[in-house]
């Protein structure tokens, strides 16, 4: 058997890959492919790792809905005590539909509309993470128009390099996110005078899939220094939101230990009087899920071998978008001679590559598992090439529950005829 990382909650039994107590072959036979499969136990363990590591700081752990917004996953995390980090009115509606408490929701994002602000104010969210002077002004106007007060943190851009992919580095001065560190003090003083605004905290989020502790510490030191200067100017804050971004293992990464992160935060925040907020997403769901797919054809050209599967970049766009690595393994341990090949989908794009140069012993019809796909997999899916999105399955021990039905072709069309569809003779 080849050496690869198999996340907790997943194992081989008699050579067949299992999610908790269920064979992926059985799941494929029952539910078809492609499909997303999640381990409830892995998800719960990942959330509880945060709770345990940061227990001494009594944080509010606001799960980042963008990572995977399935209603059943949100409901599960809400029951565990999670709050939520949202970036749209749609995500707020998801949280509420899943039974989440709006008083434990932080609203991030650079482009909040007036309608989204009104929705969040009337729902009673915990805080708006404001990202520009123009947004602050709009929020003041919307709140006063409703005779409400908006609780606000400013998302401060500390200009810290997180050492991650450029597309998911959000704390550099070139980023569209946040307020420049050198401008934040003056904007806080301005915000303190605006009607309809109550300053509640300070927020930063420097990026995603970060595997080193030092960028988090550098950002924390800068925002704590700003909080102290604000306190000296008579602006007292109540919480510090460190965002998310803690990475996971996809291949050979060595993710930081949450206990080390918590220790570093506790050392610096002691005596500050600020409550800690965190916004993890990937670290909770990333290794909790996989994409199950079946090989349609094996194909050879003079230059390459290909395994053409029924999943595609519209189902899992991370490899095409970020050149991201996901382990790809046979559900049944391979027999025969392994060959290097590219695992590709049927979408009409050269970039529809789920894995390049993978050495696999497989045949047409075999099942493959694309691992560590629980975050930014289903949530970034699309209908490109008129492909219905896959079903999603949550495994709990020896039972599997459909938590998203497979999309149908008619469902793709239902919003496209504003009037009656044309007759067959027109």
Protein backbone atom coordinates (compact mmCIF):
# COMPACT_ATOMS: atom_id res chain seq x y z
CA UNK A 1 0.00 0.00 0.00
CA UNK A 2 1.36 3.45 -0.89
CA UNK A 3 2.24 5.89 1.85
CA UNK A 4 -0.37 8.63 2.13
CA UNK A 5 -2.10 10.61 4.84
CA UNK A 6 -5.47 9.16 5.86
CA UNK A 7 -7.39 11.64 8.03
CA UNK A 8 -9.02 10.60 11.32
CA UNK A 9 -12.43 8.99 10.78
CA UNK A 10 -11.19 7.15 7.67
CA UNK A 11 -9.55 3.71 7.58
CA UNK A 12 -9.00 0.61 5.48
CA UNK A 13 -10.77 -2.58 6.50
CA UNK A 14 -9.89 -5.68 4.49
CA UNK A 15 -8.35 -3.42 1.88
CA UNK A 16 -11.48 -1.29 1.39
CA UNK A 17 -11.59 2.38 2.40
CA UNK A 18 -14.20 3.12 5.08
CA UNK A 19 -15.71 6.27 6.56
CA UNK A 20 -16.24 5.42 10.20
CA UNK A 21 -18.07 2.07 10.03
CA UNK A 22 -19.24 2.25 6.40
CA UNK A 23 -17.51 1.07 3.25
CA UNK A 24 -17.20 3.67 0.52
CA UNK A 25 -18.04 0.92 -1.96
CA UNK A 26 -21.37 0.45 -0.19
CA UNK A 27 -22.01 4.20 -0.17
CA UNK A 28 -21.29 4.40 -3.90
CA UNK A 29 -23.61 1.48 -4.61
CA UNK A 30 -26.43 3.12 -2.65
CA UNK A 31 -26.00 6.78 -3.54
CA UNK A 32 -24.03 6.86 -6.77
CA UNK A 33 -21.05 8.96 -7.75
CA UNK A 34 -19.72 11.55 -7.63
CA UNK A 35 -20.66 12.30 -4.04
CA UNK A 36 -19.24 14.07 -1.04
CA UNK A 37 -18.92 11.93 2.08
CA UNK A 38 -18.30 13.40 5.54
CA UNK A 39 -17.42 11.86 8.89
CA UNK A 40 -19.48 13.28 11.75
CA UNK A 41 -16.99 11.96 14.31
CA UNK A 42 -14.08 13.69 12.55
CA UNK A 43 -15.99 16.98 12.45
CA UNK A 44 -16.95 16.83 16.12
CA UNK A 45 -13.38 15.94 17.13
CA UNK A 46 -11.96 18.85 15.12
CA UNK A 47 -14.35 21.33 16.75
CA UNK A 48 -13.67 19.96 20.21
CA UNK A 49 -9.94 20.29 19.62
CA UNK A 50 -10.46 24.06 19.51
CA UNK A 51 -12.64 23.99 22.62
CA UNK A 52 -10.05 22.02 24.57
CA UNK A 53 -6.99 23.93 23.39
CA UNK A 54 -8.45 27.37 24.11
CA UNK A 55 -10.49 26.39 27.18
CA UNK A 56 -8.56 28.74 29.47
CA UNK A 57 -9.55 31.73 27.32
CA UNK A 58 -13.28 30.88 27.02
CA UNK A 59 -13.39 31.85 23.32
CA UNK A 60 -16.36 32.17 21.01
CA UNK A 61 -15.55 29.83 18.13
CA UNK A 62 -17.31 31.21 15.06
CA UNK A 63 -17.23 28.56 12.33
CA UNK A 64 -16.53 30.07 8.89
CA UNK A 65 -19.64 29.17 6.91
CA UNK A 66 -17.88 29.69 3.57
CA UNK A 67 -15.81 26.53 4.14
CA UNK A 68 -18.91 24.32 3.98
CA UNK A 69 -22.37 25.77 4.50
CA UNK A 70 -24.44 22.59 4.37
CA UNK A 71 -27.41 23.06 6.73
CA UNK A 72 -26.84 19.76 8.51
CA UNK A 73 -23.22 20.67 9.22
CA UNK A 74 -24.25 24.10 10.51
CA UNK A 75 -26.92 22.50 12.70
CA UNK A 76 -24.40 20.03 14.12
CA UNK A 77 -21.90 22.77 14.96
CA UNK A 78 -24.60 24.99 16.45
CA UNK A 79 -25.60 22.15 18.79
CA UNK A 80 -21.95 21.85 19.81
CA UNK A 81 -21.97 25.53 20.84
CA UNK A 82 -20.38 27.18 17.83
CA UNK A 83 -21.00 30.67 16.64
CA UNK A 84 -20.63 31.53 12.96
CA UNK A 85 -18.59 33.78 10.70
CA UNK A 86 -20.58 34.85 7.63
CA UNK A 87 -19.79 36.93 4.56
CA UNK A 88 -23.23 37.38 2.96
CA UNK A 89 -26.92 37.66 3.65
CA UNK A 90 -27.33 34.22 2.13
CA UNK A 91 -24.95 32.73 4.67
CA UNK A 92 -26.85 34.46 7.47
CA UNK A 93 -30.07 32.90 6.16
CA UNK A 94 -28.36 29.50 6.16
CA UNK A 95 -27.28 29.91 9.78
CA UNK A 96 -30.76 30.92 10.86
CA UNK A 97 -32.37 28.07 8.88
CA UNK A 98 -30.01 25.64 10.64
CA UNK A 99 -31.04 26.91 14.08
CA UNK A 100 -27.97 29.06 14.73
CA UNK A 101 -28.08 31.93 17.21
CA UNK A 102 -27.70 35.31 15.43
CA UNK A 103 -26.26 36.70 18.65
CA UNK A 104 -23.24 34.45 18.03
CA UNK A 105 -22.69 35.56 14.42
CA UNK A 106 -19.98 37.89 13.11
CA UNK A 107 -20.55 39.42 9.68
CA UNK A 108 -17.35 39.78 7.65
CA UNK A 109 -16.80 40.62 3.98
CA UNK A 110 -15.73 43.64 1.95
CA UNK A 111 -18.93 44.31 0.01
CA UNK A 112 -21.92 44.23 2.35
CA UNK A 113 -24.98 45.73 0.68
CA UNK A 114 -27.46 47.98 2.46
CA UNK A 115 -30.04 45.18 2.25
CA UNK A 116 -27.63 42.72 3.88
CA UNK A 117 -26.85 45.22 6.63
CA UNK A 118 -30.56 45.70 7.31
CA UNK A 119 -31.10 41.93 7.38
CA UNK A 120 -28.26 41.43 9.87
CA UNK A 121 -29.27 44.35 12.09
CA UNK A 122 -32.85 43.12 12.31
CA UNK A 123 -31.65 39.58 13.02
CA UNK A 124 -29.46 40.86 15.86
CA UNK A 125 -25.98 39.67 14.87
CA UNK A 126 -23.18 39.92 17.41
CA UNK A 127 -20.89 42.12 15.34
CA UNK A 128 -20.12 43.58 11.93
CA UNK A 129 -16.48 43.29 10.89
CA UNK A 130 -16.20 46.54 8.93
CA UNK A 131 -13.59 46.68 6.18
CA UNK A 132 -13.60 50.26 4.81
CA UNK A 133 -14.55 53.85 5.73
CA UNK A 134 -17.29 53.76 3.07
CA UNK A 135 -18.79 50.62 4.58
CA UNK A 136 -18.69 52.20 8.04
CA UNK A 137 -20.57 55.25 6.75
CA UNK A 138 -23.19 53.11 5.02
CA UNK A 139 -23.68 50.98 8.14
CA UNK A 140 -24.19 54.11 10.23
CA UNK A 141 -26.85 55.36 7.83
CA UNK A 142 -28.66 52.01 7.63
CA UNK A 143 -28.64 51.56 11.41
CA UNK A 144 -29.92 55.06 12.17
CA UNK A 145 -32.59 54.66 9.50
CA UNK A 146 -33.84 51.61 11.39
CA UNK A 147 -33.43 53.31 14.79
CA UNK A 148 -30.95 50.56 15.71
CA UNK A 149 -27.32 50.47 16.79
CA UNK A 150 -24.76 48.43 14.87
CA UNK A 151 -22.10 46.61 16.93
CA UNK A 152 -18.82 47.06 15.09
CA UNK A 153 -15.28 45.77 14.91
CA UNK A 154 -12.88 47.16 12.36
CA UNK A 155 -11.04 44.50 10.38
CA UNK A 156 -7.47 45.71 10.59
CA UNK A 157 -4.97 44.64 7.94
CA UNK A 158 -1.70 44.11 9.86
CA UNK A 159 0.44 43.61 6.70
CA UNK A 160 1.69 40.22 7.86
CA UNK A 161 2.81 37.62 5.31
CA UNK A 162 1.05 34.33 6.19
CA UNK A 163 3.30 32.25 3.94
CA UNK A 164 0.41 30.72 2.02
CA UNK A 165 -0.95 30.75 -1.57
CA UNK A 166 -1.28 34.34 -2.86
CA UNK A 167 -4.99 33.85 -3.58
CA UNK A 168 -5.71 33.07 0.09
CA UNK A 169 -3.34 35.57 1.71
CA UNK A 170 -5.63 38.29 3.05
CA UNK A 171 -3.50 40.28 5.51
CA UNK A 172 -0.97 41.94 3.20
CA UNK A 173 -1.14 45.63 2.36
CA UNK A 174 -1.92 44.76 -1.28
CA UNK A 175 -5.04 42.81 -0.26
CA UNK A 176 -8.60 44.02 -0.87
CA UNK A 177 -9.44 43.01 2.70
CA UNK A 178 -9.41 45.12 5.82
CA UNK A 179 -8.30 48.60 6.82
CA UNK A 180 -4.63 49.54 6.58
CA UNK A 181 -3.00 49.28 9.97
CA UNK A 182 -1.68 52.86 9.83
CA UNK A 183 -5.21 54.17 9.16
CA UNK A 184 -7.06 52.13 11.77
CA UNK A 185 -6.51 54.36 14.83
CA UNK A 186 -7.98 57.44 13.15
CA UNK A 187 -10.90 55.45 11.73
CA UNK A 188 -11.72 54.09 15.19
CA UNK A 189 -11.82 57.65 16.54
CA UNK A 190 -14.10 58.64 13.67
CA UNK A 191 -16.34 55.61 14.23
CA UNK A 192 -16.72 56.51 17.89
CA UNK A 193 -18.48 59.72 16.82
CA UNK A 194 -20.83 58.21 14.25
CA UNK A 195 -24.53 57.77 15.04
CA UNK A 196 -25.85 54.23 15.09
CA UNK A 197 -22.39 52.72 15.71
CA UNK A 198 -21.18 50.98 18.88
CA UNK A 199 -17.55 49.94 18.85
CA UNK A 200 -17.29 46.43 20.17
CA UNK A 201 -14.00 44.92 19.08
CA UNK A 202 -11.02 44.62 16.78
CA UNK A 203 -10.68 42.01 14.05
CA UNK A 204 -7.98 40.63 11.78
CA UNK A 205 -7.72 37.68 9.41
CA UNK A 206 -4.40 37.22 7.62
CA UNK A 207 -5.12 34.29 5.32
CA UNK A 208 -5.97 30.64 4.96
CA UNK A 209 -4.12 27.30 5.16
CA UNK A 210 -1.43 28.75 7.46
CA UNK A 211 0.80 26.10 9.01
CA UNK A 212 3.23 28.25 11.04
CA UNK A 213 2.58 29.97 14.37
CA UNK A 214 4.71 33.05 13.76
CA UNK A 215 2.34 34.91 11.38
CA UNK A 216 -0.52 34.61 13.89
CA UNK A 217 1.70 35.91 16.70
CA UNK A 218 2.95 38.83 14.61
CA UNK A 219 -0.62 39.84 13.74
CA UNK A 220 -1.80 39.43 17.33
CA UNK A 221 1.01 41.65 18.67
CA UNK A 222 0.09 44.41 16.24
CA UNK A 223 -3.65 44.40 16.95
CA UNK A 224 -3.08 44.21 20.73
CA UNK A 225 -0.81 47.24 20.48
CA UNK A 226 -3.54 49.08 18.57
CA UNK A 227 -6.12 48.09 21.21
CA UNK A 228 -3.89 49.48 23.95
CA UNK A 229 -3.46 52.78 22.08
CA UNK A 230 -7.21 52.99 21.60
CA UNK A 231 -7.80 52.38 25.30
CA UNK A 232 -5.39 55.23 26.03
CA UNK A 233 -7.54 57.44 23.82
CA UNK A 234 -10.68 56.48 25.73
CA UNK A 235 -11.97 53.86 23.27
CA UNK A 236 -12.53 50.65 25.19
CA UNK A 237 -13.08 47.47 23.19
CA UNK A 238 -14.68 44.24 24.40
CA UNK A 239 -13.33 41.52 22.13
CA UNK A 240 -10.46 40.60 19.83
CA UNK A 241 -11.27 38.48 16.78
CA UNK A 242 -8.21 36.66 15.42
CA UNK A 243 -10.03 35.27 12.40
CA UNK A 244 -9.31 31.81 11.09
CA UNK A 245 -6.75 30.41 8.70
CA UNK A 246 -5.27 27.53 10.70
CA UNK A 247 -4.12 24.99 8.12
CA UNK A 248 -4.57 21.25 7.79
CA UNK A 249 -2.55 18.43 6.31
CA UNK A 250 -3.28 17.71 2.66
CA UNK A 251 -0.01 16.03 1.78
CA UNK A 252 3.22 16.57 3.75
CA UNK A 253 2.33 19.72 5.70
CA UNK A 254 2.95 19.82 9.45
CA UNK A 255 0.06 21.97 10.72
CA UNK A 256 0.57 23.95 13.89
CA UNK A 257 -0.65 22.45 17.15
CA UNK A 258 -3.67 24.28 18.51
CA UNK A 259 -2.28 23.94 22.04
CA UNK A 260 0.80 25.93 20.97
CA UNK A 261 -1.39 28.56 19.33
CA UNK A 262 -3.57 28.85 22.43
CA UNK A 263 -0.52 29.15 24.69
CA UNK A 264 0.92 31.98 22.59
CA UNK A 265 -2.43 33.82 22.58
CA UNK A 266 -2.92 33.39 26.33
CA UNK A 267 0.56 34.77 27.04
CA UNK A 268 -0.19 37.93 25.11
CA UNK A 269 -3.85 38.50 25.92
CA UNK A 270 -3.58 37.95 29.68
CA UNK A 271 -4.91 41.00 31.53
CA UNK A 272 -6.22 42.65 28.36
CA UNK A 273 -9.86 42.28 29.40
CA UNK A 274 -10.73 41.31 25.82
CA UNK A 275 -12.76 38.25 24.92
CA UNK A 276 -11.25 36.05 22.23
CA UNK A 277 -13.12 35.20 19.02
CA UNK A 278 -11.85 32.70 16.45
CA UNK A 279 -13.16 31.93 12.94
CA UNK A 280 -11.95 28.45 11.94
CA UNK A 281 -13.42 26.75 8.90
CA UNK A 282 -11.00 24.50 7.05
CA UNK A 283 -9.50 23.12 10.28
CA UNK A 284 -12.96 21.85 11.34
CA UNK A 285 -14.29 20.39 8.10
CA UNK A 286 -11.36 20.03 5.69
CA UNK A 287 -10.13 16.60 6.72
CA UNK A 288 -13.65 15.50 7.64
CA UNK A 289 -14.78 14.92 4.07
CA UNK A 290 -13.82 13.39 0.74
CA UNK A 291 -15.10 13.35 -2.82
CA UNK A 292 -15.99 9.86 -4.03
CA UNK A 293 -15.72 9.31 -7.79
CA UNK A 294 -15.64 6.48 -10.31
CA UNK A 295 -13.27 5.97 -13.23
CA UNK A 296 -15.17 6.13 -16.52
CA UNK A 297 -12.22 5.45 -18.81
CA UNK A 298 -8.49 4.88 -18.84
CA UNK A 299 -6.83 6.64 -21.75
CA UNK A 300 -3.27 6.84 -23.04
CA UNK A 301 -1.62 9.33 -25.36
CA UNK A 302 1.98 9.40 -26.54
CA UNK A 303 2.81 11.75 -23.67
CA UNK A 304 0.41 10.94 -20.80
CA UNK A 305 -1.89 8.42 -19.18
CA UNK A 306 -5.26 9.58 -17.92
CA UNK A 307 -7.88 8.28 -15.54
CA UNK A 308 -11.08 10.03 -16.63
CA UNK A 309 -13.50 10.13 -13.70
CA UNK A 310 -17.10 11.26 -13.20
CA UNK A 311 -16.15 14.10 -10.84
CA UNK A 312 -14.78 17.32 -12.29
CA UNK A 313 -13.48 20.80 -11.56
CA UNK A 314 -17.05 22.05 -11.15
CA UNK A 315 -17.34 19.66 -8.16
CA UNK A 316 -13.89 20.38 -6.68
CA UNK A 317 -12.25 23.50 -8.10
CA UNK A 318 -9.32 23.81 -5.68
CA UNK A 319 -6.79 21.94 -7.86
CA UNK A 320 -7.64 24.08 -10.91
CA UNK A 321 -7.90 27.35 -8.95
CA UNK A 322 -4.97 27.02 -6.54
CA UNK A 323 -2.99 24.11 -7.99
CA UNK A 324 -3.98 22.50 -4.69
CA UNK A 325 -2.97 18.94 -3.84
CA UNK A 326 -5.53 16.38 -2.68
CA UNK A 327 -4.50 12.80 -2.08
CA UNK A 328 -6.30 10.48 -4.53
CA UNK A 329 -6.49 6.82 -3.53
CA UNK A 330 -8.35 3.73 -4.75
CA UNK A 331 -11.27 2.70 -2.55
CA UNK A 332 -10.16 -0.91 -3.03
CA UNK A 333 -6.43 -1.36 -2.64
CA UNK A 334 -5.02 -1.71 -6.14
CA UNK A 335 -4.00 -4.97 -7.69
CA UNK A 336 -1.76 -5.12 -10.70
CA UNK A 337 0.89 -2.76 -11.95
CA UNK A 338 0.74 0.89 -10.83
CA UNK A 339 1.31 3.58 -13.47
CA UNK A 340 1.72 7.35 -13.24
CA UNK A 341 -1.37 9.09 -14.61
CA UNK A 342 -3.37 12.30 -14.41
CA UNK A 343 -6.80 12.09 -12.78
CA UNK A 344 -9.07 14.29 -14.87
CA UNK A 345 -12.75 15.06 -15.20
CA UNK A 346 -15.10 15.25 -18.20
CA UNK A 347 -15.45 19.05 -18.17
CA UNK A 348 -14.42 20.79 -21.39
CA UNK A 349 -11.37 22.57 -19.94
CA UNK A 350 -7.72 21.57 -20.11
CA UNK A 351 -7.48 22.67 -16.48
CA UNK A 352 -10.02 20.04 -15.40
CA UNK A 353 -7.30 18.12 -13.55
CA UNK A 354 -8.04 16.76 -10.09
CA UNK A 355 -4.58 15.31 -9.62
CA UNK A 356 -1.45 15.30 -11.78
CA UNK A 357 1.15 12.53 -11.96
CA UNK A 358 -0.50 10.12 -9.50
CA UNK A 359 0.81 6.57 -9.41
CA UNK A 360 -2.22 4.28 -9.30
CA UNK A 361 -3.02 0.63 -9.93
CA UNK A 362 -6.58 0.96 -11.23
CA UNK A 363 -9.01 -0.15 -13.91
CA UNK A 364 -12.02 1.46 -15.56
CA UNK A 365 -14.98 1.26 -13.18
CA UNK A 366 -12.86 1.49 -10.04
CA UNK A 367 -13.76 3.95 -7.27
CA UNK A 368 -11.36 6.68 -6.20
CA UNK A 369 -11.48 8.82 -3.06
CA UNK A 370 -10.23 12.40 -3.29
CA UNK A 371 -9.28 13.11 0.31
CA UNK A 372 -9.40 16.21 2.54
CA UNK A 373 -12.19 17.74 0.44
CA UNK A 374 -14.57 18.76 3.23
CA UNK A 375 -13.65 22.46 3.01
CA UNK A 376 -14.08 24.59 -0.12
CA UNK A 377 -15.27 21.57 -2.07
CA UNK A 378 -19.05 21.42 -2.24
CA UNK A 379 -19.31 25.08 -1.17
CA UNK A 380 -17.38 26.25 -4.27
CA UNK A 381 -19.17 23.92 -6.65
CA UNK A 382 -20.84 25.11 -9.84
CA UNK A 383 -23.02 23.85 -12.68
CA UNK A 384 -20.48 24.43 -15.44
CA UNK A 385 -21.20 22.27 -18.52
CA UNK A 386 -24.76 21.88 -17.14
CA UNK A 387 -23.50 19.39 -14.58
CA UNK A 388 -25.76 18.84 -11.55
CA UNK A 389 -23.96 19.16 -8.24
CA UNK A 390 -23.26 15.95 -6.30
CA UNK A 391 -25.14 14.51 -3.38
CA UNK A 392 -23.64 14.95 0.10
CA UNK A 393 -23.62 12.17 2.70
CA UNK A 394 -22.97 12.43 6.45
CA UNK A 395 -21.76 9.22 8.07
CA UNK A 396 -22.37 8.63 11.76
CA UNK A 397 -20.94 5.31 12.86
CA UNK A 398 -22.61 2.64 10.71
CA UNK A 399 -25.33 4.88 9.26
CA UNK A 400 -25.30 7.29 6.33
CA UNK A 401 -27.70 10.17 5.87
CA UNK A 402 -28.24 12.22 2.72
CA UNK A 403 -27.72 15.84 3.74
CA UNK A 404 -27.99 17.22 0.21
CA UNK A 405 -29.89 15.46 -2.55
CA UNK A 406 -28.18 15.09 -5.89
CA UNK A 407 -29.21 17.98 -8.11
CA UNK A 408 -31.40 17.15 -11.08
CA UNK A 409 -31.18 18.48 -14.63
CA UNK A 410 -34.68 20.07 -14.43
CA UNK A 411 -33.58 21.92 -11.28
CA UNK A 412 -30.90 23.67 -13.35
CA UNK A 413 -33.56 25.16 -15.62
CA UNK A 414 -36.29 26.15 -13.20
CA UNK A 415 -35.25 29.81 -12.88
CA UNK A 416 -34.59 30.36 -16.58
CA UNK A 417 -38.13 30.67 -18.03
CA UNK A 418 -39.56 33.95 -16.70
CA UNK A 419 -42.77 33.27 -18.65
CA UNK A 420 -44.12 30.12 -20.21
CA UNK A 421 -41.49 28.07 -22.02
CA UNK A 422 -41.70 28.11 -25.82
CA UNK A 423 -43.95 25.59 -27.48
CA UNK A 424 -42.44 22.80 -29.51
CA UNK A 425 -43.63 24.51 -32.72
CA UNK A 426 -42.19 27.96 -32.02
